[in-house]
Amino acid sequence: MIFHRLASGALALVLLLGLVGCGGGGNSPEMELGGINTGDMLDGLLARTMRALDSVNSMESAKAAVPVLEAINDDYDDLIYHIPNLSEKGRADMSKKAKSAMPQIQDMARRINDMPGLSGILGPSMNSMVEKIGMLL
């Protein structure tokens, strides 16, 4: 039952990725830095998060997901570092994109924190991720 609720949250994130434009090239050119679109970076981070959480179906797989989520969090740090280099329009576009993703990420973090056993394993990584997405707003 625990893992069923987590999987349904991951499915909802998949739907969200479709709405925010996961990798579809629909991101503003103002979000580009050195030929890399930061909007595409955010899409990729959200997709990687979904894949990591979708693989969780036991306590062992939850433990295995931790290094993946930590690496994703490190990549959020890199994205956050580059945001000040975007134009004002690029920063506004990133904020809009992050804002549309935030409720689903917060919901997934809440679900994880409400699940006995998983909260101690995945909670810190997910809570950190919520904070980092908040820095993009």
N, C-alpha and C. Protein backbone atom coordinates (compact mmCIF):
# COMPACT_ATOMS: atom_id res chain seq x y z
N MET A 1 0.82 -1.19 0.00
CA MET A 1 0.00 0.00 0.00
C MET A 1 0.87 1.26 0.00
N ILE A 2 1.93 1.24 0.79
CA ILE A 2 2.83 2.39 0.85
C ILE A 2 3.36 2.71 -0.54
N PHE A 3 3.82 1.68 -1.22
CA PHE A 3 4.46 1.89 -2.51
C PHE A 3 3.45 2.21 -3.59
N HIS A 4 2.20 1.77 -3.41
CA HIS A 4 1.15 2.11 -4.36
C HIS A 4 0.90 3.62 -4.35
N ARG A 5 0.87 4.21 -3.14
CA ARG A 5 0.66 5.66 -3.04
C ARG A 5 1.82 6.43 -3.64
N LEU A 6 3.03 5.95 -3.44
CA LEU A 6 4.19 6.60 -4.02
C LEU A 6 4.16 6.51 -5.54
N ALA A 7 3.79 5.34 -6.06
CA ALA A 7 3.71 5.16 -7.51
C ALA A 7 2.65 6.06 -8.12
N SER A 8 1.52 6.24 -7.43
CA SER A 8 0.49 7.12 -7.99
C SER A 8 0.99 8.56 -8.01
N GLY A 9 1.81 8.94 -7.04
CA GLY A 9 2.41 10.27 -7.05
C GLY A 9 3.39 10.43 -8.20
N ALA A 10 4.16 9.38 -8.48
CA ALA A 10 5.09 9.43 -9.60
C ALA A 10 4.34 9.53 -10.92
N LEU A 11 3.21 8.83 -11.03
CA LEU A 11 2.39 8.93 -12.24
C LEU A 11 1.88 10.36 -12.41
N ALA A 12 1.46 10.97 -11.33
CA ALA A 12 0.99 12.35 -11.42
C ALA A 12 2.12 13.28 -11.86
N LEU A 13 3.35 12.99 -11.43
CA LEU A 13 4.49 13.81 -11.86
C LEU A 13 4.73 13.63 -13.36
N VAL A 14 4.53 12.44 -13.87
CA VAL A 14 4.66 12.22 -15.31
C VAL A 14 3.68 13.11 -16.06
N LEU A 15 2.46 13.17 -15.57
CA LEU A 15 1.45 14.02 -16.21
C LEU A 15 1.86 15.49 -16.12
N LEU A 16 2.40 15.88 -14.97
CA LEU A 16 2.86 17.25 -14.79
C LEU A 16 3.97 17.58 -15.78
N LEU A 17 4.90 16.65 -15.98
CA LEU A 17 6.00 16.89 -16.91
C LEU A 17 5.47 17.18 -18.30
N GLY A 18 4.39 16.52 -18.67
CA GLY A 18 3.77 16.80 -19.97
C GLY A 18 3.24 18.21 -20.02
N LEU A 19 2.73 18.70 -18.90
CA LEU A 19 2.19 20.05 -18.86
C LEU A 19 3.27 21.12 -18.87
N VAL A 20 4.40 20.86 -18.18
CA VAL A 20 5.44 21.89 -18.12
C VAL A 20 6.39 21.81 -19.30
N GLY A 21 6.22 20.82 -20.15
CA GLY A 21 7.00 20.79 -21.38
C GLY A 21 8.28 20.01 -21.28
N CYS A 22 8.24 18.84 -20.72
CA CYS A 22 9.44 18.04 -20.50
C CYS A 22 10.20 17.79 -21.79
N GLY A 23 11.29 18.51 -21.92
CA GLY A 23 12.22 18.24 -23.01
C GLY A 23 11.68 18.47 -24.40
N GLY A 24 10.51 19.10 -24.51
CA GLY A 24 9.90 19.24 -25.81
C GLY A 24 10.36 20.44 -26.59
N GLY A 25 11.35 21.15 -26.09
CA GLY A 25 11.86 22.30 -26.80
C GLY A 25 10.94 23.50 -26.71
N GLY A 26 9.92 23.44 -25.87
CA GLY A 26 8.98 24.53 -25.72
C GLY A 26 9.45 25.59 -24.75
N ASN A 27 10.66 25.48 -24.26
CA ASN A 27 11.17 26.44 -23.30
C ASN A 27 11.67 27.69 -24.00
N SER A 28 11.53 28.79 -23.31
CA SER A 28 11.92 30.10 -23.83
C SER A 28 13.41 30.16 -24.17
N PRO A 29 13.75 30.77 -25.31
CA PRO A 29 15.16 30.98 -25.62
C PRO A 29 15.86 31.85 -24.58
N GLU A 30 15.08 32.63 -23.85
CA GLU A 30 15.64 33.47 -22.77
C GLU A 30 16.19 32.62 -21.63
N MET A 31 15.85 31.34 -21.62
CA MET A 31 16.31 30.44 -20.57
C MET A 31 17.62 29.76 -20.95
N GLU A 32 18.20 30.16 -22.09
CA GLU A 32 19.44 29.54 -22.56
C GLU A 32 20.67 30.25 -22.01
N LEU A 33 21.66 29.42 -21.66
CA LEU A 33 22.98 29.92 -21.24
C LEU A 33 24.02 29.07 -21.94
N GLY A 34 24.85 29.68 -22.72
CA GLY A 34 25.91 28.95 -23.39
C GLY A 34 25.42 27.77 -24.21
N GLY A 35 24.28 27.94 -24.84
CA GLY A 35 23.72 26.88 -25.67
C GLY A 35 22.96 25.82 -24.91
N ILE A 36 22.85 25.95 -23.60
CA ILE A 36 22.10 24.99 -22.79
C ILE A 36 20.85 25.69 -22.26
N ASN A 37 19.70 25.05 -22.47
CA ASN A 37 18.44 25.63 -22.01
C ASN A 37 18.19 25.17 -20.57
N THR A 38 18.17 26.12 -19.65
CA THR A 38 17.97 25.80 -18.24
C THR A 38 16.57 25.23 -17.99
N GLY A 39 15.62 25.59 -18.83
CA GLY A 39 14.28 25.00 -18.72
C GLY A 39 14.31 23.52 -19.03
N ASP A 40 15.10 23.15 -20.04
CA ASP A 40 15.28 21.73 -20.35
C ASP A 40 15.99 21.01 -19.20
N MET A 41 16.93 21.73 -18.55
CA MET A 41 17.61 21.13 -17.40
C MET A 41 16.61 20.82 -16.30
N LEU A 42 15.72 21.78 -16.02
CA LEU A 42 14.71 21.55 -14.99
C LEU A 42 13.80 20.39 -15.38
N ASP A 43 13.38 20.35 -16.63
CA ASP A 43 12.56 19.23 -17.11
C ASP A 43 13.27 17.90 -16.86
N GLY A 44 14.55 17.86 -17.18
CA GLY A 44 15.31 16.63 -17.00
C GLY A 44 15.42 16.22 -15.54
N LEU A 45 15.62 17.21 -14.66
CA LEU A 45 15.70 16.91 -13.23
C LEU A 45 14.37 16.35 -12.71
N LEU A 46 13.28 16.94 -13.16
CA LEU A 46 11.96 16.44 -12.75
C LEU A 46 11.73 15.03 -13.27
N ALA A 47 12.13 14.78 -14.50
CA ALA A 47 11.96 13.43 -15.08
C ALA A 47 12.82 12.41 -14.33
N ARG A 48 14.05 12.79 -13.99
CA ARG A 48 14.93 11.88 -13.24
C ARG A 48 14.35 11.59 -11.86
N THR A 49 13.75 12.61 -11.24
CA THR A 49 13.12 12.41 -9.93
C THR A 49 11.99 11.39 -10.05
N MET A 50 11.17 11.57 -11.07
CA MET A 50 10.06 10.65 -11.29
C MET A 50 10.56 9.23 -11.48
N ARG A 51 11.59 9.05 -12.30
CA ARG A 51 12.13 7.70 -12.54
C ARG A 51 12.69 7.10 -11.26
N ALA A 52 13.37 7.91 -10.46
CA ALA A 52 13.95 7.40 -9.21
C ALA A 52 12.85 6.96 -8.26
N LEU A 53 11.81 7.75 -8.13
CA LEU A 53 10.73 7.40 -7.21
C LEU A 53 9.87 6.27 -7.76
N ASP A 54 9.74 6.22 -9.07
CA ASP A 54 8.95 5.15 -9.69
C ASP A 54 9.59 3.79 -9.46
N SER A 55 10.90 3.76 -9.25
CA SER A 55 11.60 2.49 -9.04
C SER A 55 11.46 1.99 -7.60
N VAL A 56 10.89 2.80 -6.72
CA VAL A 56 10.78 2.42 -5.31
C VAL A 56 9.59 1.49 -5.12
N ASN A 57 9.89 0.25 -4.73
CA ASN A 57 8.82 -0.71 -4.45
C ASN A 57 9.12 -1.54 -3.21
N SER A 58 10.17 -1.17 -2.49
CA SER A 58 10.54 -1.85 -1.25
C SER A 58 11.47 -0.92 -0.47
N MET A 59 11.74 -1.30 0.76
CA MET A 59 12.67 -0.51 1.56
C MET A 59 14.06 -0.53 0.93
N GLU A 60 14.44 -1.67 0.37
CA GLU A 60 15.76 -1.78 -0.27
C GLU A 60 15.85 -0.86 -1.48
N SER A 61 14.79 -0.82 -2.28
CA SER A 61 14.83 0.05 -3.46
C SER A 61 14.77 1.52 -3.05
N ALA A 62 14.12 1.80 -1.92
CA ALA A 62 14.11 3.18 -1.41
C ALA A 62 15.53 3.59 -1.03
N LYS A 63 16.24 2.70 -0.37
CA LYS A 63 17.63 2.98 0.01
C LYS A 63 18.50 3.16 -1.23
N ALA A 64 18.23 2.36 -2.26
CA ALA A 64 18.99 2.48 -3.50
C ALA A 64 18.69 3.78 -4.23
N ALA A 65 17.51 4.35 -4.02
CA ALA A 65 17.13 5.60 -4.69
C ALA A 65 17.81 6.82 -4.06
N VAL A 66 18.26 6.70 -2.82
CA VAL A 66 18.85 7.85 -2.12
C VAL A 66 20.03 8.46 -2.88
N PRO A 67 21.03 7.68 -3.31
CA PRO A 67 22.14 8.31 -4.04
C PRO A 67 21.70 8.98 -5.34
N VAL A 68 20.69 8.42 -5.96
CA VAL A 68 20.16 9.02 -7.20
C VAL A 68 19.53 10.37 -6.87
N LEU A 69 18.72 10.41 -5.81
CA LEU A 69 18.08 11.68 -5.42
C LEU A 69 19.12 12.69 -4.96
N GLU A 70 20.16 12.23 -4.29
CA GLU A 70 21.23 13.14 -3.87
C GLU A 70 21.95 13.73 -5.08
N ALA A 71 22.18 12.92 -6.10
CA ALA A 71 22.81 13.43 -7.33
C ALA A 71 21.90 14.44 -8.02
N ILE A 72 20.61 14.18 -8.01
CA ILE A 72 19.65 15.13 -8.59
C ILE A 72 19.71 16.44 -7.81
N ASN A 73 19.76 16.35 -6.49
CA ASN A 73 19.86 17.56 -5.68
C ASN A 73 21.14 18.33 -5.98
N ASP A 74 22.24 17.62 -6.21
CA ASP A 74 23.49 18.29 -6.61
C ASP A 74 23.31 19.03 -7.94
N ASP A 75 22.57 18.42 -8.85
CA ASP A 75 22.32 19.06 -10.15
C ASP A 75 21.40 20.27 -10.00
N TYR A 76 20.48 20.22 -9.02
CA TYR A 76 19.68 21.42 -8.73
C TYR A 76 20.58 22.55 -8.26
N ASP A 77 21.59 22.22 -7.43
CA ASP A 77 22.54 23.25 -6.98
C ASP A 77 23.22 23.91 -8.17
N ASP A 78 23.60 23.10 -9.15
CA ASP A 78 24.24 23.63 -10.35
C ASP A 78 23.28 24.55 -11.11
N LEU A 79 22.05 24.12 -11.26
CA LEU A 79 21.05 24.94 -11.95
C LEU A 79 20.84 26.26 -11.20
N ILE A 80 20.69 26.18 -9.90
CA ILE A 80 20.48 27.39 -9.07
C ILE A 80 21.66 28.35 -9.22
N TYR A 81 22.86 27.81 -9.28
CA TYR A 81 24.07 28.63 -9.43
C TYR A 81 24.02 29.47 -10.71
N HIS A 82 23.45 28.91 -11.78
CA HIS A 82 23.45 29.59 -13.06
C HIS A 82 22.26 30.53 -13.27
N ILE A 83 21.24 30.44 -12.48
CA ILE A 83 20.03 31.25 -12.68
C ILE A 83 20.33 32.75 -12.68
N PRO A 84 21.19 33.28 -11.80
CA PRO A 84 21.46 34.73 -11.84
C PRO A 84 22.03 35.20 -13.18
N ASN A 85 22.58 34.30 -13.97
CA ASN A 85 23.14 34.68 -15.27
C ASN A 85 22.09 34.80 -16.36
N LEU A 86 20.87 34.37 -16.06
CA LEU A 86 19.78 34.52 -17.04
C LEU A 86 19.32 35.96 -17.09
N SER A 87 18.71 36.32 -18.21
CA SER A 87 18.10 37.64 -18.31
C SER A 87 16.90 37.70 -17.35
N GLU A 88 16.39 38.89 -17.15
CA GLU A 88 15.21 39.04 -16.29
C GLU A 88 14.05 38.19 -16.81
N LYS A 89 13.86 38.18 -18.12
CA LYS A 89 12.80 37.36 -18.73
C LYS A 89 13.08 35.89 -18.51
N GLY A 90 14.32 35.47 -18.66
CA GLY A 90 14.69 34.08 -18.43
C GLY A 90 14.44 33.64 -17.00
N ARG A 91 14.78 34.51 -16.05
CA ARG A 91 14.52 34.20 -14.64
C ARG A 91 13.02 34.11 -14.38
N ALA A 92 12.26 35.00 -15.00
CA ALA A 92 10.80 34.97 -14.84
C ALA A 92 10.21 33.70 -15.43
N ASP A 93 10.72 33.29 -16.59
CA ASP A 93 10.25 32.05 -17.22
C ASP A 93 10.60 30.83 -16.35
N MET A 94 11.81 30.82 -15.77
CA MET A 94 12.20 29.72 -14.90
C MET A 94 11.32 29.69 -13.66
N SER A 95 11.04 30.85 -13.11
CA SER A 95 10.19 30.92 -11.94
C SER A 95 8.79 30.36 -12.24
N LYS A 96 8.27 30.72 -13.38
CA LYS A 96 6.94 30.23 -13.79
C LYS A 96 6.96 28.70 -13.93
N LYS A 97 8.00 28.20 -14.55
CA LYS A 97 8.14 26.75 -14.76
C LYS A 97 8.27 26.03 -13.41
N ALA A 98 9.10 26.55 -12.53
CA ALA A 98 9.28 25.95 -11.21
C ALA A 98 7.99 26.01 -10.40
N LYS A 99 7.29 27.12 -10.52
CA LYS A 99 6.02 27.28 -9.79
C LYS A 99 5.01 26.24 -10.23
N SER A 100 4.98 25.92 -11.52
CA SER A 100 4.00 24.92 -11.99
C SER A 100 4.38 23.51 -11.52
N ALA A 101 5.66 23.25 -11.29
CA ALA A 101 6.10 21.94 -10.83
C ALA A 101 6.01 21.78 -9.32
N MET A 102 6.09 22.88 -8.60
CA MET A 102 6.20 22.84 -7.14
C MET A 102 5.08 22.08 -6.44
N PRO A 103 3.81 22.29 -6.76
CA PRO A 103 2.77 21.57 -6.00
C PRO A 103 2.91 20.06 -6.07
N GLN A 104 3.26 19.54 -7.22
CA GLN A 104 3.39 18.09 -7.35
C GLN A 104 4.59 17.57 -6.58
N ILE A 105 5.71 18.28 -6.64
CA ILE A 105 6.89 17.87 -5.88
C ILE A 105 6.61 17.94 -4.39
N GLN A 106 5.92 19.00 -3.96
CA GLN A 106 5.56 19.12 -2.54
C GLN A 106 4.66 17.98 -2.12
N ASP A 107 3.71 17.61 -2.98
CA ASP A 107 2.80 16.52 -2.66
C ASP A 107 3.56 15.20 -2.54
N MET A 108 4.48 14.96 -3.44
CA MET A 108 5.26 13.72 -3.36
C MET A 108 6.12 13.71 -2.09
N ALA A 109 6.71 14.84 -1.74
CA ALA A 109 7.50 14.91 -0.51
C ALA A 109 6.61 14.68 0.71
N ARG A 110 5.41 15.25 0.69
CA ARG A 110 4.47 15.05 1.80
C ARG A 110 4.10 13.58 1.92
N ARG A 111 3.81 12.94 0.79
CA ARG A 111 3.45 11.52 0.82
C ARG A 111 4.60 10.68 1.39
N ILE A 112 5.79 10.98 0.98
CA ILE A 112 6.95 10.23 1.49
C ILE A 112 7.11 10.46 2.98
N ASN A 113 6.96 11.71 3.42
CA ASN A 113 7.12 12.02 4.83
C ASN A 113 6.02 11.41 5.68
N ASP A 114 4.87 11.12 5.08
CA ASP A 114 3.76 10.51 5.81
C ASP A 114 3.84 8.99 5.85
N MET A 115 4.78 8.40 5.13
CA MET A 115 4.88 6.93 5.06
C MET A 115 5.91 6.42 6.06
N PRO A 116 5.44 5.60 7.00
CA PRO A 116 6.39 5.03 7.97
C PRO A 116 7.50 4.27 7.23
N GLY A 117 8.70 4.47 7.66
CA GLY A 117 9.84 3.80 7.04
C GLY A 117 10.44 4.60 5.91
N LEU A 118 9.61 5.08 5.00
CA LEU A 118 10.13 5.84 3.86
C LEU A 118 10.56 7.24 4.25
N SER A 119 9.87 7.82 5.23
CA SER A 119 10.20 9.20 5.59
C SER A 119 11.65 9.34 6.02
N GLY A 120 12.14 8.38 6.77
CA GLY A 120 13.53 8.45 7.21
C GLY A 120 14.53 8.17 6.11
N ILE A 121 14.10 7.45 5.08
CA ILE A 121 15.01 7.09 3.99
C ILE A 121 15.01 8.16 2.89
N LEU A 122 13.82 8.49 2.39
CA LEU A 122 13.71 9.40 1.24
C LEU A 122 13.36 10.83 1.62
N GLY A 123 12.81 11.01 2.82
CA GLY A 123 12.35 12.33 3.25
C GLY A 123 13.40 13.42 3.15
N PRO A 124 14.61 13.22 3.68
CA PRO A 124 15.61 14.29 3.61
C PRO A 124 15.92 14.74 2.17
N SER A 125 16.06 13.79 1.27
CA SER A 125 16.36 14.15 -0.13
C SER A 125 15.20 14.89 -0.76
N MET A 126 13.98 14.42 -0.51
CA MET A 126 12.82 15.08 -1.11
C MET A 126 12.59 16.46 -0.50
N ASN A 127 12.79 16.59 0.80
CA ASN A 127 12.62 17.91 1.43
C ASN A 127 13.65 18.90 0.89
N SER A 128 14.87 18.43 0.68
CA SER A 128 15.90 19.27 0.11
C SER A 128 15.51 19.70 -1.31
N MET A 129 14.95 18.78 -2.06
CA MET A 129 14.53 19.08 -3.43
C MET A 129 13.45 20.15 -3.45
N VAL A 130 12.49 20.05 -2.54
CA VAL A 130 11.43 21.06 -2.46
C VAL A 130 12.04 22.43 -2.18
N GLU A 131 12.99 22.48 -1.25
CA GLU A 131 13.67 23.74 -0.94
C GLU A 131 14.38 24.31 -2.16
N LYS A 132 15.05 23.45 -2.90
CA LYS A 132 15.82 23.90 -4.04
C LYS A 132 14.92 24.38 -5.18
N ILE A 133 13.82 23.69 -5.40
CA ILE A 133 12.87 24.17 -6.42
C ILE A 133 12.32 25.53 -5.99
N GLY A 134 12.11 25.68 -4.67
CA GLY A 134 11.65 26.97 -4.15
C GLY A 134 12.63 28.10 -4.44
N MET A 135 13.91 27.79 -4.52
CA MET A 135 14.91 28.81 -4.84
C MET A 135 14.82 29.25 -6.30
N LEU A 136 14.14 28.47 -7.13
CA LEU A 136 13.99 28.83 -8.54
C LEU A 136 12.78 29.74 -8.76
N LEU A 137 11.95 29.88 -7.74
CA LEU A 137 10.74 30.71 -7.88
C LEU A 137 11.08 32.18 -7.92
